[in-house]
Amino acid sequence: MIARLFPRGHANVVIEPYRLAREDAHYTVQVSLSDFPRIAQALGSEGEGGLVAVDVRFFRDEEGRACAEGTLTLQGCQRCANCEREEALALTADVALVVVRDEAAQALYAGVREPITLEGKKVPLAEMFEDDLLLALPERPCAVREAPCPHAQARWAAVQGQAAPEPAPKRENPFAALAQLKGGQGPKD
C-alpha cells in the first residue's frame, strides 16, 4: 500500500500508473484542490483550500493493461448559482480506468472500464483523474437542492426593491367534496 499526505500547497503529484499496476498497488493520497486546475477554475475562489482524496487500486487486467479502480473524494466550497452564497461541497466519484497505448486502441476498446491514453510513464495525478471529478460536479451548483432556491428569491426581491414574496396560501382541494362522497359521507341536508 502506498499512502501519502501532501501539504495544502501545490504538490504537483506525479504517478507511475504502469509501475503501480505491475506492483498491484493500493494508492492513497490527499492533495490540494490546486493540483486539479480545471476543477479549481470551475469552483473559483470558493474552491481555495479544498482537498481531493484519491483512493485507488492499480492492477493489470486479463490482457496485461494497466487499470485503476477506486474512489475520488472532493471537499471544498462552491458558490450557489442562484443566490451566490458560498456553501460546502462534498462529492465522491467512482473511477474505473484502463490505460491504452494510443487513440486507435482507445477506439477499439470495448471493456467495462473507461479507456484513457497517457503520454509517458509518469503523469500528473490530475491528468489521470480530473475528468472523473469534473463530470461529478453539479451542472448548476445550488446549495439547496429544492426549486426554487429560497435565498435566491429573497436576493431577487432585494435587487428589485421589494419585500420577499409571501408564500402562496394553501388552496382548498376542489375535489374534497367528491372524496367525502366516495368515502360514504354524503352531503348533509
N, C-alpha and C. Protein backbone atom coordinates (compact mmCIF):
# COMPACT_ATOMS: atom_id res chain seq x y z
N MET A 1 0.85 -1.17 0.00
CA MET A 1 0.00 0.00 0.00
C MET A 1 0.89 1.24 0.00
N ILE A 2 0.56 2.15 -0.87
CA ILE A 2 1.28 3.41 -0.94
C ILE A 2 0.33 4.48 -0.43
N ALA A 3 0.70 5.15 0.62
CA ALA A 3 -0.17 6.20 1.17
C ALA A 3 0.67 7.44 1.42
N ARG A 4 0.16 8.56 0.94
CA ARG A 4 0.88 9.82 1.12
C ARG A 4 -0.10 10.92 1.45
N LEU A 5 0.31 11.84 2.26
CA LEU A 5 -0.48 13.03 2.57
C LEU A 5 0.39 14.22 2.24
N PHE A 6 -0.05 15.01 1.27
CA PHE A 6 0.72 16.17 0.86
C PHE A 6 0.17 17.40 1.55
N PRO A 7 1.00 18.41 1.76
CA PRO A 7 0.53 19.64 2.38
C PRO A 7 -0.47 20.33 1.46
N ARG A 8 -1.13 21.36 1.99
CA ARG A 8 -2.14 22.06 1.22
C ARG A 8 -1.57 22.86 0.06
N GLY A 9 -0.27 23.03 0.01
CA GLY A 9 0.34 23.75 -1.10
C GLY A 9 0.29 22.93 -2.37
N HIS A 10 0.66 23.56 -3.48
CA HIS A 10 0.65 22.88 -4.77
C HIS A 10 1.73 21.82 -4.77
N ALA A 11 1.35 20.58 -4.84
CA ALA A 11 2.30 19.49 -4.68
C ALA A 11 2.79 18.92 -6.01
N ASN A 12 2.07 19.18 -7.12
CA ASN A 12 2.46 18.62 -8.42
C ASN A 12 2.70 17.12 -8.33
N VAL A 13 1.76 16.39 -7.81
CA VAL A 13 1.90 14.95 -7.61
C VAL A 13 1.96 14.26 -8.97
N VAL A 14 2.98 13.44 -9.14
CA VAL A 14 3.18 12.67 -10.36
C VAL A 14 3.12 11.20 -9.98
N ILE A 15 2.39 10.41 -10.78
CA ILE A 15 2.28 8.98 -10.51
C ILE A 15 2.79 8.18 -11.69
N GLU A 16 3.08 6.92 -11.44
CA GLU A 16 3.53 6.00 -12.47
C GLU A 16 2.52 4.86 -12.56
N PRO A 17 1.47 5.03 -13.36
CA PRO A 17 0.41 4.01 -13.39
C PRO A 17 0.87 2.63 -13.84
N TYR A 18 1.82 2.56 -14.78
CA TYR A 18 2.29 1.25 -15.23
C TYR A 18 3.02 0.51 -14.12
N ARG A 19 3.89 1.21 -13.41
CA ARG A 19 4.63 0.59 -12.30
C ARG A 19 3.66 0.20 -11.18
N LEU A 20 2.72 1.09 -10.85
CA LEU A 20 1.76 0.79 -9.79
C LEU A 20 0.91 -0.42 -10.15
N ALA A 21 0.54 -0.55 -11.42
CA ALA A 21 -0.25 -1.71 -11.86
C ALA A 21 0.57 -2.99 -11.76
N ARG A 22 1.85 -2.91 -12.15
CA ARG A 22 2.73 -4.09 -12.03
C ARG A 22 2.84 -4.55 -10.59
N GLU A 23 2.87 -3.58 -9.67
CA GLU A 23 3.02 -3.90 -8.25
C GLU A 23 1.69 -4.19 -7.57
N ASP A 24 0.60 -4.12 -8.32
CA ASP A 24 -0.75 -4.32 -7.76
C ASP A 24 -0.92 -3.45 -6.51
N ALA A 25 -0.65 -2.16 -6.67
CA ALA A 25 -0.59 -1.21 -5.56
C ALA A 25 -1.94 -0.59 -5.23
N HIS A 26 -2.13 -0.36 -3.97
CA HIS A 26 -3.27 0.43 -3.48
C HIS A 26 -2.70 1.81 -3.18
N TYR A 27 -3.16 2.81 -3.93
CA TYR A 27 -2.59 4.15 -3.85
C TYR A 27 -3.58 5.09 -3.17
N THR A 28 -3.16 5.70 -2.08
CA THR A 28 -3.98 6.63 -1.33
C THR A 28 -3.20 7.92 -1.16
N VAL A 29 -3.82 9.04 -1.55
CA VAL A 29 -3.16 10.33 -1.42
C VAL A 29 -4.23 11.40 -1.21
N GLN A 30 -3.88 12.42 -0.47
CA GLN A 30 -4.76 13.56 -0.27
C GLN A 30 -3.97 14.80 -0.68
N VAL A 31 -4.49 15.53 -1.66
CA VAL A 31 -3.77 16.69 -2.19
C VAL A 31 -4.68 17.91 -2.22
N SER A 32 -4.05 19.04 -2.39
CA SER A 32 -4.78 20.30 -2.50
C SER A 32 -5.57 20.31 -3.81
N LEU A 33 -6.70 20.99 -3.78
CA LEU A 33 -7.52 21.14 -4.97
C LEU A 33 -6.75 21.85 -6.09
N SER A 34 -5.74 22.61 -5.73
CA SER A 34 -4.94 23.32 -6.73
C SER A 34 -4.19 22.36 -7.65
N ASP A 35 -4.04 21.09 -7.27
CA ASP A 35 -3.43 20.10 -8.14
C ASP A 35 -4.37 19.68 -9.27
N PHE A 36 -5.61 20.08 -9.19
CA PHE A 36 -6.61 19.80 -10.22
C PHE A 36 -7.06 21.15 -10.79
N PRO A 37 -6.28 21.73 -11.69
CA PRO A 37 -6.50 23.12 -12.11
C PRO A 37 -7.86 23.40 -12.75
N ARG A 38 -8.39 22.47 -13.53
CA ARG A 38 -9.69 22.74 -14.18
C ARG A 38 -10.82 22.75 -13.15
N ILE A 39 -10.73 21.91 -12.14
CA ILE A 39 -11.76 21.92 -11.10
C ILE A 39 -11.61 23.17 -10.25
N ALA A 40 -10.38 23.52 -9.91
CA ALA A 40 -10.14 24.74 -9.14
C ALA A 40 -10.68 25.96 -9.89
N GLN A 41 -10.50 25.99 -11.20
CA GLN A 41 -11.02 27.09 -12.00
C GLN A 41 -12.55 27.07 -12.01
N ALA A 42 -13.16 25.90 -12.11
CA ALA A 42 -14.62 25.80 -12.13
C ALA A 42 -15.22 26.27 -10.82
N LEU A 43 -14.54 26.01 -9.70
CA LEU A 43 -15.06 26.42 -8.40
C LEU A 43 -14.69 27.86 -8.06
N GLY A 44 -13.69 28.40 -8.73
CA GLY A 44 -13.28 29.78 -8.48
C GLY A 44 -12.62 29.93 -7.12
N SER A 45 -12.69 31.12 -6.59
CA SER A 45 -12.03 31.40 -5.31
C SER A 45 -12.65 30.60 -4.16
N GLU A 46 -13.89 30.15 -4.33
CA GLU A 46 -14.53 29.35 -3.28
C GLU A 46 -13.83 28.01 -3.10
N GLY A 47 -13.17 27.53 -4.16
CA GLY A 47 -12.50 26.23 -4.09
C GLY A 47 -11.16 26.26 -3.40
N GLU A 48 -10.65 27.46 -3.12
CA GLU A 48 -9.34 27.56 -2.46
C GLU A 48 -9.38 26.86 -1.11
N GLY A 49 -8.36 26.09 -0.85
CA GLY A 49 -8.30 25.38 0.42
C GLY A 49 -8.97 24.03 0.38
N GLY A 50 -9.59 23.69 -0.74
CA GLY A 50 -10.25 22.39 -0.86
C GLY A 50 -9.24 21.26 -0.99
N LEU A 51 -9.71 20.06 -0.73
CA LEU A 51 -8.85 18.87 -0.79
C LEU A 51 -9.48 17.81 -1.68
N VAL A 52 -8.63 17.03 -2.31
CA VAL A 52 -9.07 15.88 -3.10
C VAL A 52 -8.36 14.66 -2.53
N ALA A 53 -9.14 13.67 -2.17
CA ALA A 53 -8.59 12.40 -1.69
C ALA A 53 -8.74 11.35 -2.78
N VAL A 54 -7.65 10.67 -3.09
CA VAL A 54 -7.63 9.63 -4.11
C VAL A 54 -7.37 8.31 -3.39
N ASP A 55 -8.26 7.35 -3.60
CA ASP A 55 -8.11 6.02 -3.00
C ASP A 55 -8.35 5.02 -4.14
N VAL A 56 -7.26 4.56 -4.75
CA VAL A 56 -7.36 3.78 -5.98
C VAL A 56 -6.46 2.55 -5.89
N ARG A 57 -6.95 1.46 -6.46
CA ARG A 57 -6.15 0.24 -6.58
C ARG A 57 -5.73 0.09 -8.03
N PHE A 58 -4.43 -0.03 -8.25
CA PHE A 58 -3.88 -0.26 -9.59
C PHE A 58 -3.64 -1.75 -9.76
N PHE A 59 -3.91 -2.27 -10.96
CA PHE A 59 -3.71 -3.68 -11.25
C PHE A 59 -3.66 -3.87 -12.76
N ARG A 60 -3.36 -5.07 -13.19
CA ARG A 60 -3.35 -5.41 -14.62
C ARG A 60 -4.58 -6.26 -14.92
N ASP A 61 -5.21 -5.97 -16.07
CA ASP A 61 -6.38 -6.77 -16.47
C ASP A 61 -5.91 -8.05 -17.15
N GLU A 62 -6.85 -8.83 -17.66
CA GLU A 62 -6.52 -10.12 -18.26
C GLU A 62 -5.65 -10.00 -19.51
N GLU A 63 -5.60 -8.82 -20.13
CA GLU A 63 -4.75 -8.61 -21.30
C GLU A 63 -3.46 -7.86 -20.95
N GLY A 64 -3.21 -7.67 -19.67
CA GLY A 64 -1.98 -7.05 -19.22
C GLY A 64 -1.98 -5.53 -19.22
N ARG A 65 -3.13 -4.90 -19.46
CA ARG A 65 -3.20 -3.44 -19.47
C ARG A 65 -3.29 -2.92 -18.04
N ALA A 66 -2.69 -1.75 -17.84
CA ALA A 66 -2.76 -1.10 -16.52
C ALA A 66 -4.17 -0.59 -16.28
N CYS A 67 -4.72 -0.88 -15.10
CA CYS A 67 -6.07 -0.46 -14.75
C CYS A 67 -6.04 0.23 -13.38
N ALA A 68 -7.03 1.06 -13.15
CA ALA A 68 -7.17 1.73 -11.86
C ALA A 68 -8.65 1.76 -11.51
N GLU A 69 -8.98 1.34 -10.31
CA GLU A 69 -10.36 1.39 -9.82
C GLU A 69 -10.35 1.91 -8.39
N GLY A 70 -11.31 2.77 -8.08
CA GLY A 70 -11.38 3.30 -6.73
C GLY A 70 -12.30 4.49 -6.62
N THR A 71 -11.97 5.37 -5.68
CA THR A 71 -12.85 6.48 -5.35
C THR A 71 -12.05 7.78 -5.25
N LEU A 72 -12.65 8.85 -5.75
CA LEU A 72 -12.11 10.19 -5.60
C LEU A 72 -13.10 10.97 -4.75
N THR A 73 -12.60 11.71 -3.76
CA THR A 73 -13.47 12.49 -2.88
C THR A 73 -12.99 13.92 -2.85
N LEU A 74 -13.90 14.84 -3.13
CA LEU A 74 -13.57 16.26 -3.13
C LEU A 74 -14.28 16.94 -1.97
N GLN A 75 -13.53 17.70 -1.19
CA GLN A 75 -14.07 18.51 -0.10
C GLN A 75 -13.68 19.95 -0.37
N GLY A 76 -14.65 20.82 -0.49
CA GLY A 76 -14.35 22.22 -0.77
C GLY A 76 -15.59 23.08 -0.60
N CYS A 77 -15.61 24.18 -1.30
CA CYS A 77 -16.76 25.10 -1.28
C CYS A 77 -17.13 25.46 -2.71
N GLN A 78 -18.36 25.84 -2.88
CA GLN A 78 -18.85 26.32 -4.17
C GLN A 78 -19.79 27.48 -3.94
N ARG A 79 -20.02 28.25 -4.97
CA ARG A 79 -20.96 29.36 -4.90
C ARG A 79 -22.26 28.92 -5.55
N CYS A 80 -23.36 29.09 -4.82
CA CYS A 80 -24.68 28.74 -5.33
C CYS A 80 -24.95 29.61 -6.57
N ALA A 81 -25.36 28.98 -7.65
CA ALA A 81 -25.62 29.70 -8.89
C ALA A 81 -26.88 30.56 -8.79
N ASN A 82 -27.73 30.30 -7.83
CA ASN A 82 -28.98 31.07 -7.70
C ASN A 82 -28.83 32.25 -6.76
N CYS A 83 -28.32 32.01 -5.56
CA CYS A 83 -28.29 33.07 -4.56
C CYS A 83 -26.89 33.61 -4.30
N GLU A 84 -25.87 32.99 -4.89
CA GLU A 84 -24.47 33.39 -4.77
C GLU A 84 -23.91 33.26 -3.36
N ARG A 85 -24.52 32.42 -2.53
CA ARG A 85 -23.96 32.14 -1.20
C ARG A 85 -22.92 31.05 -1.33
N GLU A 86 -21.88 31.15 -0.52
CA GLU A 86 -20.85 30.12 -0.50
C GLU A 86 -21.34 28.97 0.37
N GLU A 87 -21.27 27.78 -0.17
CA GLU A 87 -21.74 26.60 0.55
C GLU A 87 -20.70 25.49 0.44
N ALA A 88 -20.73 24.59 1.40
CA ALA A 88 -19.81 23.45 1.39
C ALA A 88 -20.14 22.53 0.23
N LEU A 89 -19.11 21.94 -0.33
CA LEU A 89 -19.26 20.98 -1.42
C LEU A 89 -18.52 19.72 -1.04
N ALA A 90 -19.21 18.62 -1.07
CA ALA A 90 -18.59 17.31 -0.82
C ALA A 90 -19.13 16.36 -1.88
N LEU A 91 -18.25 15.82 -2.67
CA LEU A 91 -18.71 14.88 -3.68
C LEU A 91 -17.74 13.73 -3.82
N THR A 92 -18.26 12.63 -4.28
CA THR A 92 -17.48 11.41 -4.46
C THR A 92 -17.70 10.90 -5.87
N ALA A 93 -16.64 10.46 -6.50
CA ALA A 93 -16.72 9.90 -7.85
C ALA A 93 -16.01 8.56 -7.87
N ASP A 94 -16.68 7.57 -8.40
CA ASP A 94 -16.05 6.26 -8.58
C ASP A 94 -15.29 6.27 -9.90
N VAL A 95 -14.12 5.67 -9.92
CA VAL A 95 -13.33 5.60 -11.14
C VAL A 95 -13.04 4.15 -11.48
N ALA A 96 -13.07 3.88 -12.77
CA ALA A 96 -12.70 2.57 -13.31
C ALA A 96 -12.06 2.85 -14.66
N LEU A 97 -10.72 2.87 -14.68
CA LEU A 97 -9.97 3.27 -15.87
C LEU A 97 -9.08 2.14 -16.36
N VAL A 98 -8.84 2.13 -17.65
CA VAL A 98 -7.86 1.24 -18.25
C VAL A 98 -6.97 2.11 -19.13
N VAL A 99 -5.65 1.94 -19.00
CA VAL A 99 -4.70 2.72 -19.79
C VAL A 99 -4.41 1.98 -21.08
N VAL A 100 -4.68 2.65 -22.21
CA VAL A 100 -4.38 2.06 -23.52
C VAL A 100 -3.26 2.87 -24.17
N ARG A 101 -2.58 2.26 -25.14
CA ARG A 101 -1.37 2.85 -25.73
C ARG A 101 -1.63 4.11 -26.56
N ASP A 102 -2.68 4.08 -27.38
CA ASP A 102 -2.93 5.22 -28.27
C ASP A 102 -4.43 5.37 -28.53
N GLU A 103 -4.78 6.38 -29.30
CA GLU A 103 -6.20 6.66 -29.56
C GLU A 103 -6.85 5.57 -30.39
N ALA A 104 -6.08 4.91 -31.26
CA ALA A 104 -6.63 3.82 -32.06
C ALA A 104 -7.05 2.66 -31.13
N ALA A 105 -6.21 2.33 -30.17
CA ALA A 105 -6.54 1.28 -29.20
C ALA A 105 -7.71 1.72 -28.33
N GLN A 106 -7.79 3.01 -28.05
CA GLN A 106 -8.89 3.53 -27.25
C GLN A 106 -10.21 3.35 -27.99
N ALA A 107 -10.20 3.57 -29.29
CA ALA A 107 -11.42 3.42 -30.10
C ALA A 107 -11.85 1.96 -30.19
N LEU A 108 -10.90 1.02 -30.15
CA LEU A 108 -11.22 -0.40 -30.27
C LEU A 108 -11.60 -1.04 -28.94
N TYR A 109 -11.28 -0.40 -27.83
CA TYR A 109 -11.54 -0.99 -26.52
C TYR A 109 -13.04 -1.06 -26.26
N ALA A 110 -13.51 -2.22 -25.86
CA ALA A 110 -14.94 -2.41 -25.60
C ALA A 110 -15.17 -3.02 -24.23
N GLY A 111 -14.34 -2.67 -23.26
CA GLY A 111 -14.47 -3.24 -21.92
C GLY A 111 -15.37 -2.41 -21.04
N VAL A 112 -15.38 -2.76 -19.76
CA VAL A 112 -16.25 -2.09 -18.80
C VAL A 112 -15.62 -0.85 -18.19
N ARG A 113 -14.32 -0.69 -18.34
CA ARG A 113 -13.63 0.47 -17.78
C ARG A 113 -13.51 1.57 -18.82
N GLU A 114 -13.34 2.79 -18.35
CA GLU A 114 -13.15 3.94 -19.22
C GLU A 114 -11.72 3.95 -19.75
N PRO A 115 -11.52 3.89 -21.08
CA PRO A 115 -10.15 3.90 -21.61
C PRO A 115 -9.56 5.31 -21.61
N ILE A 116 -8.30 5.41 -21.21
CA ILE A 116 -7.59 6.68 -21.27
C ILE A 116 -6.22 6.44 -21.89
N THR A 117 -5.71 7.47 -22.54
CA THR A 117 -4.38 7.42 -23.13
C THR A 117 -3.51 8.40 -22.38
N LEU A 118 -2.36 7.95 -21.93
CA LEU A 118 -1.44 8.80 -21.19
C LEU A 118 -0.16 8.97 -21.97
N GLU A 119 0.42 10.16 -21.88
CA GLU A 119 1.69 10.42 -22.53
C GLU A 119 2.82 10.19 -21.52
N GLY A 120 3.61 9.19 -21.75
CA GLY A 120 4.73 8.91 -20.87
C GLY A 120 4.38 7.95 -19.76
N LYS A 121 5.43 7.55 -19.04
CA LYS A 121 5.24 6.60 -17.94
C LYS A 121 4.90 7.29 -16.64
N LYS A 122 5.28 8.56 -16.52
CA LYS A 122 4.95 9.35 -15.34
C LYS A 122 3.99 10.44 -15.76
N VAL A 123 2.87 10.54 -15.03
CA VAL A 123 1.84 11.53 -15.39
C VAL A 123 1.37 12.26 -14.14
N PRO A 124 0.97 13.52 -14.30
CA PRO A 124 0.39 14.23 -13.17
C PRO A 124 -0.91 13.54 -12.72
N LEU A 125 -1.14 13.58 -11.45
CA LEU A 125 -2.34 12.97 -10.87
C LEU A 125 -3.60 13.48 -11.56
N ALA A 126 -3.65 14.78 -11.83
CA ALA A 126 -4.83 15.38 -12.45
C ALA A 126 -5.07 14.83 -13.85
N GLU A 127 -4.02 14.55 -14.59
CA GLU A 127 -4.19 14.04 -15.96
C GLU A 127 -4.94 12.72 -15.96
N MET A 128 -4.76 11.95 -14.92
CA MET A 128 -5.41 10.65 -14.87
C MET A 128 -6.82 10.71 -14.29
N PHE A 129 -7.06 11.60 -13.32
CA PHE A 129 -8.33 11.53 -12.59
C PHE A 129 -9.22 12.77 -12.66
N GLU A 130 -8.73 13.89 -13.19
CA GLU A 130 -9.50 15.13 -13.13
C GLU A 130 -10.82 15.05 -13.90
N ASP A 131 -10.84 14.38 -15.04
CA ASP A 131 -12.08 14.29 -15.83
C ASP A 131 -13.22 13.65 -15.04
N ASP A 132 -12.90 12.63 -14.25
CA ASP A 132 -13.94 11.96 -13.46
C ASP A 132 -14.55 12.90 -12.42
N LEU A 133 -13.71 13.72 -11.80
CA LEU A 133 -14.23 14.69 -10.83
C LEU A 133 -15.02 15.80 -11.52
N LEU A 134 -14.57 16.24 -12.68
CA LEU A 134 -15.31 17.28 -13.41
C LEU A 134 -16.71 16.80 -13.76
N LEU A 135 -16.82 15.55 -14.16
CA LEU A 135 -18.14 15.01 -14.51
C LEU A 135 -19.04 14.86 -13.29
N ALA A 136 -18.46 14.77 -12.11
CA ALA A 136 -19.25 14.62 -10.89
C ALA A 136 -19.72 15.98 -10.34
N LEU A 137 -19.12 17.08 -10.80
CA LEU A 137 -19.55 18.40 -10.32
C LEU A 137 -20.99 18.66 -10.74
N PRO A 138 -21.76 19.32 -9.89
CA PRO A 138 -23.14 19.64 -10.27
C PRO A 138 -23.15 20.58 -11.47
N GLU A 139 -24.11 20.35 -12.36
CA GLU A 139 -24.22 21.18 -13.56
C GLU A 139 -24.51 22.64 -13.21
N ARG A 140 -25.42 22.83 -12.30
CA ARG A 140 -25.77 24.17 -11.82
C ARG A 140 -25.71 24.12 -10.30
N PRO A 141 -24.60 24.56 -9.71
CA PRO A 141 -24.45 24.46 -8.26
C PRO A 141 -25.53 25.23 -7.52
N CYS A 142 -26.14 24.58 -6.59
CA CYS A 142 -27.13 25.22 -5.73
C CYS A 142 -27.03 24.60 -4.36
N ALA A 143 -26.95 25.45 -3.37
CA ALA A 143 -26.80 24.97 -2.00
C ALA A 143 -28.02 24.16 -1.57
N VAL A 144 -29.18 24.58 -2.00
CA VAL A 144 -30.42 23.91 -1.64
C VAL A 144 -30.89 23.14 -2.87
N ARG A 145 -31.11 21.89 -2.74
CA ARG A 145 -31.50 21.07 -3.87
C ARG A 145 -33.00 21.15 -4.16
N GLU A 146 -33.63 22.17 -3.66
CA GLU A 146 -35.04 22.37 -3.93
C GLU A 146 -35.17 23.48 -4.96
N ALA A 147 -36.27 23.47 -5.69
CA ALA A 147 -36.51 24.57 -6.64
C ALA A 147 -37.71 25.33 -6.15
N PRO A 148 -37.71 26.59 -6.12
CA PRO A 148 -36.58 27.49 -6.32
C PRO A 148 -35.79 27.67 -5.02
N CYS A 149 -34.58 28.16 -5.17
CA CYS A 149 -33.70 28.39 -4.02
C CYS A 149 -34.29 29.51 -3.17
N PRO A 150 -34.58 29.28 -1.89
CA PRO A 150 -35.22 30.31 -1.06
C PRO A 150 -34.33 31.54 -0.86
N HIS A 151 -33.04 31.35 -0.84
CA HIS A 151 -32.14 32.50 -0.69
C HIS A 151 -32.17 33.36 -1.94
N ALA A 152 -32.32 32.75 -3.11
CA ALA A 152 -32.35 33.49 -4.36
C ALA A 152 -33.60 34.36 -4.45
N GLN A 153 -34.73 33.86 -3.97
CA GLN A 153 -35.96 34.65 -4.00
C GLN A 153 -35.80 35.93 -3.19
N ALA A 154 -35.24 35.81 -1.99
CA ALA A 154 -35.04 36.98 -1.15
C ALA A 154 -34.05 37.94 -1.79
N ARG A 155 -33.00 37.41 -2.39
CA ARG A 155 -32.00 38.25 -3.04
C ARG A 155 -32.60 38.98 -4.23
N TRP A 156 -33.38 38.28 -5.04
CA TRP A 156 -34.01 38.89 -6.21
C TRP A 156 -34.97 40.00 -5.77
N ALA A 157 -35.72 39.76 -4.73
CA ALA A 157 -36.65 40.78 -4.23
C ALA A 157 -35.89 42.00 -3.73
N ALA A 158 -34.76 41.79 -3.09
CA ALA A 158 -33.96 42.91 -2.60
C ALA A 158 -33.41 43.73 -3.77
N VAL A 159 -33.00 43.06 -4.82
CA VAL A 159 -32.50 43.75 -6.00
C VAL A 159 -33.62 44.57 -6.64
N GLN A 160 -34.81 44.04 -6.65
CA GLN A 160 -35.95 44.72 -7.24
C GLN A 160 -36.52 45.81 -6.32
N GLY A 161 -36.03 45.88 -5.09
CA GLY A 161 -36.52 46.88 -4.14
C GLY A 161 -37.86 46.50 -3.53
N GLN A 162 -38.13 45.24 -3.47
CA GLN A 162 -39.39 44.76 -2.92
C GLN A 162 -39.10 43.87 -1.72
N ALA A 163 -40.16 43.63 -0.98
CA ALA A 163 -40.04 42.66 0.11
C ALA A 163 -40.08 41.27 -0.50
N ALA A 164 -39.51 40.31 0.20
CA ALA A 164 -39.54 38.93 -0.28
C ALA A 164 -40.98 38.48 -0.42
N PRO A 165 -41.30 37.76 -1.50
CA PRO A 165 -42.68 37.33 -1.70
C PRO A 165 -43.15 36.40 -0.60
N GLU A 166 -44.40 36.58 -0.21
CA GLU A 166 -45.01 35.70 0.79
C GLU A 166 -45.32 34.37 0.14
N PRO A 167 -45.21 33.29 0.88
CA PRO A 167 -45.57 32.00 0.30
C PRO A 167 -47.06 31.99 -0.06
N ALA A 168 -47.38 31.31 -1.13
CA ALA A 168 -48.77 31.25 -1.58
C ALA A 168 -49.62 30.56 -0.53
N PRO A 169 -50.86 31.08 -0.29
CA PRO A 169 -51.73 30.43 0.69
C PRO A 169 -52.13 29.05 0.20
N LYS A 170 -52.40 28.18 1.14
CA LYS A 170 -52.79 26.82 0.80
C LYS A 170 -54.18 26.85 0.18
N ARG A 171 -54.27 26.27 -1.00
CA ARG A 171 -55.56 26.25 -1.70
C ARG A 171 -56.35 25.01 -1.29
N GLU A 172 -57.66 25.19 -1.27
CA GLU A 172 -58.51 24.05 -0.96
C GLU A 172 -58.57 23.14 -2.18
N ASN A 173 -58.65 21.86 -1.90
CA ASN A 173 -58.76 20.88 -2.96
C ASN A 173 -60.18 20.92 -3.52
N PRO A 174 -60.35 21.21 -4.81
CA PRO A 174 -61.69 21.28 -5.38
C PRO A 174 -62.40 19.92 -5.40
N PHE A 175 -61.66 18.86 -5.23
CA PHE A 175 -62.26 17.54 -5.27
C PHE A 175 -62.52 16.98 -3.87
N ALA A 176 -62.36 17.82 -2.86
CA ALA A 176 -62.57 17.35 -1.49
C ALA A 176 -64.01 16.86 -1.29
N ALA A 177 -64.97 17.54 -1.90
CA ALA A 177 -66.38 17.14 -1.78
C ALA A 177 -66.58 15.75 -2.38
N LEU A 178 -65.96 15.48 -3.50
CA LEU A 178 -66.08 14.16 -4.12
C LEU A 178 -65.45 13.08 -3.25
N ALA A 179 -64.33 13.41 -2.61
CA ALA A 179 -63.68 12.45 -1.73
C ALA A 179 -64.59 12.10 -0.56
N GLN A 180 -65.34 13.09 -0.05
CA GLN A 180 -66.27 12.82 1.04
C GLN A 180 -67.40 11.92 0.56
N LEU A 181 -67.92 12.16 -0.63
CA LEU A 181 -68.99 11.32 -1.17
C LEU A 181 -68.51 9.89 -1.38
N LYS A 182 -67.33 9.73 -1.91
CA LYS A 182 -66.78 8.41 -2.16
C LYS A 182 -66.54 7.67 -0.86
N GLY A 183 -66.16 8.37 0.17
CA GLY A 183 -65.88 7.75 1.46
C GLY A 183 -67.16 7.40 2.22
N GLY A 184 -68.32 7.60 1.63
CA GLY A 184 -69.57 7.25 2.27
C GLY A 184 -70.13 8.36 3.14
N GLN A 185 -69.51 9.48 3.11
CA GLN A 185 -70.01 10.60 3.88
C GLN A 185 -70.70 11.55 2.92
N GLY A 186 -71.94 11.24 2.62
CA GLY A 186 -72.72 12.05 1.68
C GLY A 186 -72.99 13.43 2.24
N PRO A 187 -73.46 14.32 1.38
CA PRO A 187 -73.74 15.69 1.85
C PRO A 187 -74.89 15.67 2.84
N LYS A 188 -74.83 16.53 3.81
CA LYS A 188 -75.87 16.61 4.84
C LYS A 188 -76.93 17.58 4.38
N ASP A 189 -78.21 17.19 4.57
CA ASP A 189 -79.35 18.05 4.17
C ASP A 189 -79.60 19.11 5.17
